[in-house]
Amino acid sequence: LVFGKDLGKGSFATVRHAQRILKGKARSQWRSYAVKEIKKEHEKVARREVNVMRRFSHPNIIGFVSFFASSRHFHIVSEYAQNGDLHSLIVRLGPIAVENTRFTAAEILSAVE
């Protein structure tokens, strides 16, 4: 994996964009991931998050890919959502129209069933 720009930062972790380099392939064919780097002193938080992510498999939930440790961090690799999450979309575009809210709510509920 080759790490790129930071996507977000919280009190326990930083999420970074990463790509898997495929030799002989165009850069546009490299797969993108979001990698959450959690400081080693927060191992309990990292393991809890991995356990939760592994339980969910739904098209509307970012998928878990891998988990590994380096000397200073735990790394949680997940699918990359190019357009961000629902919260980012609402912040960027403003409130969701009522007609779309019903659909969005139904999609969220189907993901947690």
N, C-alpha and C. Protein backbone atom coordinates (compact mmCIF):
# COMPACT_ATOMS: atom_id res chain seq x y z
N LEU A 1 0.84 -1.19 0.00
CA LEU A 1 0.00 0.00 0.00
C LEU A 1 0.87 1.24 0.00
N VAL A 2 0.45 2.23 -0.75
CA VAL A 2 1.11 3.53 -0.76
C VAL A 2 0.14 4.53 -0.16
N PHE A 3 0.58 5.21 0.89
CA PHE A 3 -0.29 6.14 1.59
C PHE A 3 -0.26 7.51 0.94
N GLY A 4 -1.45 8.14 0.92
CA GLY A 4 -1.60 9.47 0.36
C GLY A 4 -2.08 10.45 1.40
N LYS A 5 -3.00 11.29 1.00
CA LYS A 5 -3.45 12.39 1.87
C LYS A 5 -4.30 11.89 3.04
N ASP A 6 -4.32 12.72 4.08
CA ASP A 6 -5.19 12.44 5.22
C ASP A 6 -6.64 12.70 4.83
N LEU A 7 -7.52 11.80 5.22
CA LEU A 7 -8.95 11.95 4.93
C LEU A 7 -9.70 12.51 6.14
N GLY A 8 -9.16 12.28 7.33
CA GLY A 8 -9.81 12.76 8.54
C GLY A 8 -8.95 12.46 9.75
N LYS A 9 -9.25 13.15 10.84
CA LYS A 9 -8.47 12.97 12.05
C LYS A 9 -9.40 13.08 13.25
N GLY A 10 -9.21 12.18 14.21
CA GLY A 10 -9.99 12.20 15.44
C GLY A 10 -9.05 12.14 16.62
N SER A 11 -9.62 11.95 17.81
CA SER A 11 -8.80 11.95 19.02
C SER A 11 -7.94 10.68 19.14
N PHE A 12 -8.38 9.57 18.55
CA PHE A 12 -7.63 8.32 18.65
C PHE A 12 -6.90 7.93 17.37
N ALA A 13 -7.29 8.50 16.23
CA ALA A 13 -6.77 7.98 14.97
C ALA A 13 -6.78 9.02 13.86
N THR A 14 -6.05 8.67 12.81
CA THR A 14 -6.05 9.42 11.56
C THR A 14 -6.44 8.45 10.45
N VAL A 15 -7.29 8.88 9.54
CA VAL A 15 -7.68 8.06 8.39
C VAL A 15 -6.97 8.61 7.17
N ARG A 16 -6.27 7.73 6.47
CA ARG A 16 -5.50 8.13 5.30
C ARG A 16 -5.94 7.36 4.07
N HIS A 17 -5.85 8.02 2.93
CA HIS A 17 -6.11 7.37 1.65
C HIS A 17 -4.89 6.53 1.31
N ALA A 18 -5.11 5.35 0.75
CA ALA A 18 -4.01 4.49 0.33
C ALA A 18 -4.40 3.80 -0.97
N GLN A 19 -3.39 3.47 -1.75
CA GLN A 19 -3.64 2.73 -2.98
C GLN A 19 -2.71 1.53 -3.05
N ARG A 20 -3.24 0.47 -3.63
CA ARG A 20 -2.43 -0.73 -3.88
C ARG A 20 -1.86 -0.62 -5.28
N ILE A 21 -0.56 -0.58 -5.37
CA ILE A 21 0.11 -0.45 -6.67
C ILE A 21 0.08 -1.79 -7.38
N LEU A 22 -0.36 -1.76 -8.61
CA LEU A 22 -0.37 -2.96 -9.45
C LEU A 22 0.63 -2.74 -10.58
N LYS A 23 1.78 -3.41 -10.49
CA LYS A 23 2.82 -3.23 -11.50
C LYS A 23 2.28 -3.59 -12.88
N GLY A 24 2.61 -2.75 -13.84
CA GLY A 24 2.18 -2.99 -15.20
C GLY A 24 0.77 -2.50 -15.49
N LYS A 25 0.11 -1.92 -14.49
CA LYS A 25 -1.25 -1.41 -14.67
C LYS A 25 -1.25 0.11 -14.57
N ALA A 26 -2.18 0.72 -15.26
CA ALA A 26 -2.32 2.18 -15.18
C ALA A 26 -2.74 2.58 -13.78
N ARG A 27 -2.33 3.76 -13.35
CA ARG A 27 -2.67 4.24 -12.01
C ARG A 27 -4.18 4.24 -11.78
N SER A 28 -4.95 4.49 -12.81
CA SER A 28 -6.41 4.50 -12.69
C SER A 28 -6.96 3.13 -12.32
N GLN A 29 -6.17 2.08 -12.49
CA GLN A 29 -6.61 0.73 -12.15
C GLN A 29 -6.17 0.29 -10.76
N TRP A 30 -5.39 1.13 -10.07
CA TRP A 30 -4.97 0.82 -8.71
C TRP A 30 -6.18 0.95 -7.79
N ARG A 31 -6.33 0.04 -6.88
CA ARG A 31 -7.47 0.05 -5.97
C ARG A 31 -7.20 0.99 -4.79
N SER A 32 -8.22 1.77 -4.42
CA SER A 32 -8.10 2.71 -3.31
C SER A 32 -8.70 2.13 -2.04
N TYR A 33 -8.10 2.52 -0.90
CA TYR A 33 -8.56 2.09 0.41
C TYR A 33 -8.52 3.27 1.37
N ALA A 34 -9.26 3.15 2.45
CA ALA A 34 -9.14 4.08 3.57
C ALA A 34 -8.45 3.29 4.69
N VAL A 35 -7.39 3.86 5.25
CA VAL A 35 -6.65 3.17 6.30
C VAL A 35 -6.70 4.02 7.56
N LYS A 36 -7.30 3.46 8.60
CA LYS A 36 -7.36 4.15 9.89
C LYS A 36 -6.15 3.73 10.69
N GLU A 37 -5.35 4.73 11.07
CA GLU A 37 -4.16 4.49 11.88
C GLU A 37 -4.47 4.86 13.34
N ILE A 38 -4.49 3.86 14.19
CA ILE A 38 -4.81 4.06 15.60
C ILE A 38 -3.53 3.85 16.41
N LYS A 39 -3.23 4.81 17.26
CA LYS A 39 -2.02 4.72 18.09
C LYS A 39 -2.03 3.45 18.92
N LYS A 40 -0.86 2.85 19.09
CA LYS A 40 -0.73 1.57 19.79
C LYS A 40 -1.32 1.59 21.20
N GLU A 41 -1.28 2.73 21.87
CA GLU A 41 -1.81 2.77 23.24
C GLU A 41 -3.33 2.63 23.28
N HIS A 42 -3.98 2.65 22.13
CA HIS A 42 -5.44 2.50 22.06
C HIS A 42 -5.82 1.15 21.44
N GLU A 43 -5.11 0.12 21.82
CA GLU A 43 -5.34 -1.22 21.26
C GLU A 43 -6.78 -1.69 21.46
N LYS A 44 -7.34 -1.43 22.63
CA LYS A 44 -8.71 -1.88 22.91
C LYS A 44 -9.70 -1.25 21.92
N VAL A 45 -9.53 0.02 21.63
CA VAL A 45 -10.38 0.73 20.66
C VAL A 45 -10.24 0.10 19.28
N ALA A 46 -9.00 -0.17 18.87
CA ALA A 46 -8.74 -0.76 17.55
C ALA A 46 -9.39 -2.13 17.42
N ARG A 47 -9.20 -2.97 18.41
CA ARG A 47 -9.75 -4.33 18.33
C ARG A 47 -11.27 -4.33 18.36
N ARG A 48 -11.87 -3.42 19.16
CA ARG A 48 -13.33 -3.31 19.20
C ARG A 48 -13.87 -2.90 17.83
N GLU A 49 -13.21 -1.93 17.22
CA GLU A 49 -13.67 -1.48 15.89
C GLU A 49 -13.56 -2.58 14.85
N VAL A 50 -12.48 -3.33 14.87
CA VAL A 50 -12.32 -4.44 13.94
C VAL A 50 -13.41 -5.48 14.15
N ASN A 51 -13.70 -5.81 15.39
CA ASN A 51 -14.76 -6.79 15.68
C ASN A 51 -16.11 -6.34 15.16
N VAL A 52 -16.43 -5.06 15.32
CA VAL A 52 -17.70 -4.53 14.82
C VAL A 52 -17.72 -4.56 13.29
N MET A 53 -16.65 -4.12 12.66
CA MET A 53 -16.60 -4.08 11.19
C MET A 53 -16.72 -5.46 10.57
N ARG A 54 -16.12 -6.45 11.20
CA ARG A 54 -16.16 -7.82 10.66
C ARG A 54 -17.57 -8.40 10.68
N ARG A 55 -18.42 -7.90 11.59
CA ARG A 55 -19.78 -8.44 11.72
C ARG A 55 -20.71 -7.97 10.59
N PHE A 56 -20.39 -6.85 9.98
CA PHE A 56 -21.28 -6.28 8.98
C PHE A 56 -20.82 -6.57 7.56
N SER A 57 -21.76 -6.98 6.75
CA SER A 57 -21.50 -7.17 5.33
C SER A 57 -22.77 -6.72 4.60
N HIS A 58 -22.72 -5.52 4.10
CA HIS A 58 -23.89 -4.93 3.44
C HIS A 58 -23.40 -3.91 2.41
N PRO A 59 -24.07 -3.80 1.26
CA PRO A 59 -23.61 -2.87 0.22
C PRO A 59 -23.57 -1.40 0.67
N ASN A 60 -24.33 -1.05 1.71
CA ASN A 60 -24.37 0.34 2.16
C ASN A 60 -23.48 0.62 3.37
N ILE A 61 -22.65 -0.34 3.73
CA ILE A 61 -21.72 -0.16 4.84
C ILE A 61 -20.31 -0.39 4.30
N ILE A 62 -19.42 0.52 4.63
CA ILE A 62 -18.02 0.38 4.19
C ILE A 62 -17.49 -0.96 4.68
N GLY A 63 -16.88 -1.71 3.78
CA GLY A 63 -16.42 -3.05 4.10
C GLY A 63 -15.04 -3.10 4.72
N PHE A 64 -14.88 -4.02 5.65
CA PHE A 64 -13.58 -4.30 6.27
C PHE A 64 -12.72 -5.07 5.29
N VAL A 65 -11.45 -4.69 5.17
CA VAL A 65 -10.53 -5.39 4.27
C VAL A 65 -9.44 -6.12 5.04
N SER A 66 -8.78 -5.42 5.96
CA SER A 66 -7.65 -6.03 6.65
C SER A 66 -7.31 -5.27 7.93
N PHE A 67 -6.48 -5.90 8.74
CA PHE A 67 -6.00 -5.29 9.98
C PHE A 67 -4.54 -5.70 10.15
N PHE A 68 -3.67 -4.73 10.43
CA PHE A 68 -2.27 -5.06 10.70
C PHE A 68 -1.67 -4.03 11.64
N ALA A 69 -0.51 -4.37 12.20
CA ALA A 69 0.17 -3.48 13.14
C ALA A 69 1.54 -3.11 12.61
N SER A 70 1.94 -1.88 12.90
CA SER A 70 3.30 -1.44 12.64
C SER A 70 3.93 -1.13 14.00
N SER A 71 5.08 -0.55 14.01
CA SER A 71 5.75 -0.30 15.29
C SER A 71 5.00 0.69 16.17
N ARG A 72 4.28 1.66 15.58
CA ARG A 72 3.61 2.68 16.38
C ARG A 72 2.09 2.70 16.27
N HIS A 73 1.53 1.97 15.29
CA HIS A 73 0.09 2.05 15.04
C HIS A 73 -0.53 0.69 14.73
N PHE A 74 -1.84 0.61 14.97
CA PHE A 74 -2.67 -0.44 14.40
C PHE A 74 -3.31 0.17 13.16
N HIS A 75 -3.46 -0.62 12.10
CA HIS A 75 -4.01 -0.12 10.84
C HIS A 75 -5.25 -0.94 10.49
N ILE A 76 -6.36 -0.25 10.30
CA ILE A 76 -7.60 -0.90 9.86
C ILE A 76 -7.83 -0.46 8.43
N VAL A 77 -7.78 -1.42 7.51
CA VAL A 77 -7.95 -1.14 6.09
C VAL A 77 -9.39 -1.43 5.72
N SER A 78 -10.04 -0.45 5.08
CA SER A 78 -11.43 -0.63 4.67
C SER A 78 -11.61 -0.11 3.25
N GLU A 79 -12.77 -0.39 2.70
CA GLU A 79 -13.10 0.13 1.37
C GLU A 79 -13.05 1.65 1.42
N TYR A 80 -12.79 2.26 0.28
CA TYR A 80 -12.71 3.71 0.18
C TYR A 80 -13.97 4.24 -0.49
N ALA A 81 -14.63 5.17 0.16
CA ALA A 81 -15.81 5.82 -0.42
C ALA A 81 -15.37 7.16 -1.00
N GLN A 82 -15.21 7.21 -2.29
CA GLN A 82 -14.67 8.39 -2.97
C GLN A 82 -15.45 9.66 -2.67
N ASN A 83 -16.75 9.54 -2.52
CA ASN A 83 -17.59 10.72 -2.27
C ASN A 83 -17.83 10.98 -0.79
N GLY A 84 -17.16 10.24 0.08
CA GLY A 84 -17.30 10.45 1.52
C GLY A 84 -18.50 9.72 2.08
N ASP A 85 -18.79 10.03 3.33
CA ASP A 85 -19.91 9.38 4.01
C ASP A 85 -21.17 10.25 3.92
N LEU A 86 -22.27 9.75 4.47
CA LEU A 86 -23.55 10.46 4.40
C LEU A 86 -23.46 11.84 5.07
N HIS A 87 -22.79 11.90 6.20
CA HIS A 87 -22.64 13.18 6.90
C HIS A 87 -21.93 14.20 6.02
N SER A 88 -20.83 13.80 5.38
CA SER A 88 -20.08 14.70 4.51
C SER A 88 -20.93 15.17 3.33
N LEU A 89 -21.75 14.26 2.81
CA LEU A 89 -22.63 14.62 1.70
C LEU A 89 -23.65 15.68 2.12
N ILE A 90 -24.24 15.51 3.30
CA ILE A 90 -25.22 16.48 3.79
C ILE A 90 -24.56 17.84 4.05
N VAL A 91 -23.37 17.81 4.62
CA VAL A 91 -22.65 19.07 4.86
C VAL A 91 -22.36 19.77 3.54
N ARG A 92 -21.94 19.00 2.54
CA ARG A 92 -21.58 19.56 1.24
C ARG A 92 -22.79 20.05 0.44
N LEU A 93 -23.88 19.28 0.45
CA LEU A 93 -25.03 19.59 -0.40
C LEU A 93 -26.21 20.24 0.32
N GLY A 94 -26.19 20.20 1.64
CA GLY A 94 -27.31 20.74 2.40
C GLY A 94 -28.31 19.66 2.73
N PRO A 95 -29.43 20.05 3.31
CA PRO A 95 -30.45 19.07 3.74
C PRO A 95 -30.94 18.18 2.60
N ILE A 96 -31.31 16.96 2.96
CA ILE A 96 -31.86 16.01 1.99
C ILE A 96 -33.35 16.27 1.83
N ALA A 97 -33.84 16.27 0.60
CA ALA A 97 -35.26 16.47 0.33
C ALA A 97 -36.07 15.35 0.99
N VAL A 98 -37.30 15.65 1.39
CA VAL A 98 -38.15 14.68 2.09
C VAL A 98 -38.30 13.38 1.29
N GLU A 99 -38.49 13.49 -0.02
CA GLU A 99 -38.67 12.29 -0.84
C GLU A 99 -37.43 11.39 -0.76
N ASN A 100 -36.25 12.01 -0.75
CA ASN A 100 -35.00 11.25 -0.68
C ASN A 100 -34.72 10.75 0.74
N THR A 101 -35.23 11.46 1.73
CA THR A 101 -35.01 11.06 3.12
C THR A 101 -35.64 9.70 3.39
N ARG A 102 -36.82 9.46 2.85
CA ARG A 102 -37.48 8.15 3.05
C ARG A 102 -36.61 7.02 2.51
N PHE A 103 -36.10 7.21 1.32
CA PHE A 103 -35.24 6.20 0.69
C PHE A 103 -33.96 6.02 1.51
N THR A 104 -33.33 7.12 1.88
CA THR A 104 -32.08 7.07 2.65
C THR A 104 -32.29 6.37 3.99
N ALA A 105 -33.37 6.71 4.68
CA ALA A 105 -33.67 6.07 5.97
C ALA A 105 -33.89 4.57 5.80
N ALA A 106 -34.60 4.18 4.75
CA ALA A 106 -34.84 2.76 4.48
C ALA A 106 -33.52 2.03 4.21
N GLU A 107 -32.60 2.66 3.48
CA GLU A 107 -31.31 2.06 3.20
C GLU A 107 -30.49 1.87 4.48
N ILE A 108 -30.52 2.88 5.33
CA ILE A 108 -29.80 2.81 6.61
C ILE A 108 -30.37 1.68 7.47
N LEU A 109 -31.68 1.62 7.56
CA LEU A 109 -32.32 0.58 8.37
C LEU A 109 -32.04 -0.82 7.83
N SER A 110 -32.01 -0.97 6.51
CA SER A 110 -31.73 -2.29 5.96
C SER A 110 -30.31 -2.72 6.27
N ALA A 111 -29.42 -1.76 6.45
CA ALA A 111 -28.03 -2.09 6.76
C ALA A 111 -27.84 -2.58 8.19
N VAL A 112 -28.70 -2.14 9.09
CA VAL A 112 -28.55 -2.53 10.51
C VAL A 112 -29.48 -3.65 10.93
N GLU A 113 -30.31 -4.14 10.03
CA GLU A 113 -31.21 -5.26 10.37
C GLU A 113 -30.42 -6.51 10.66
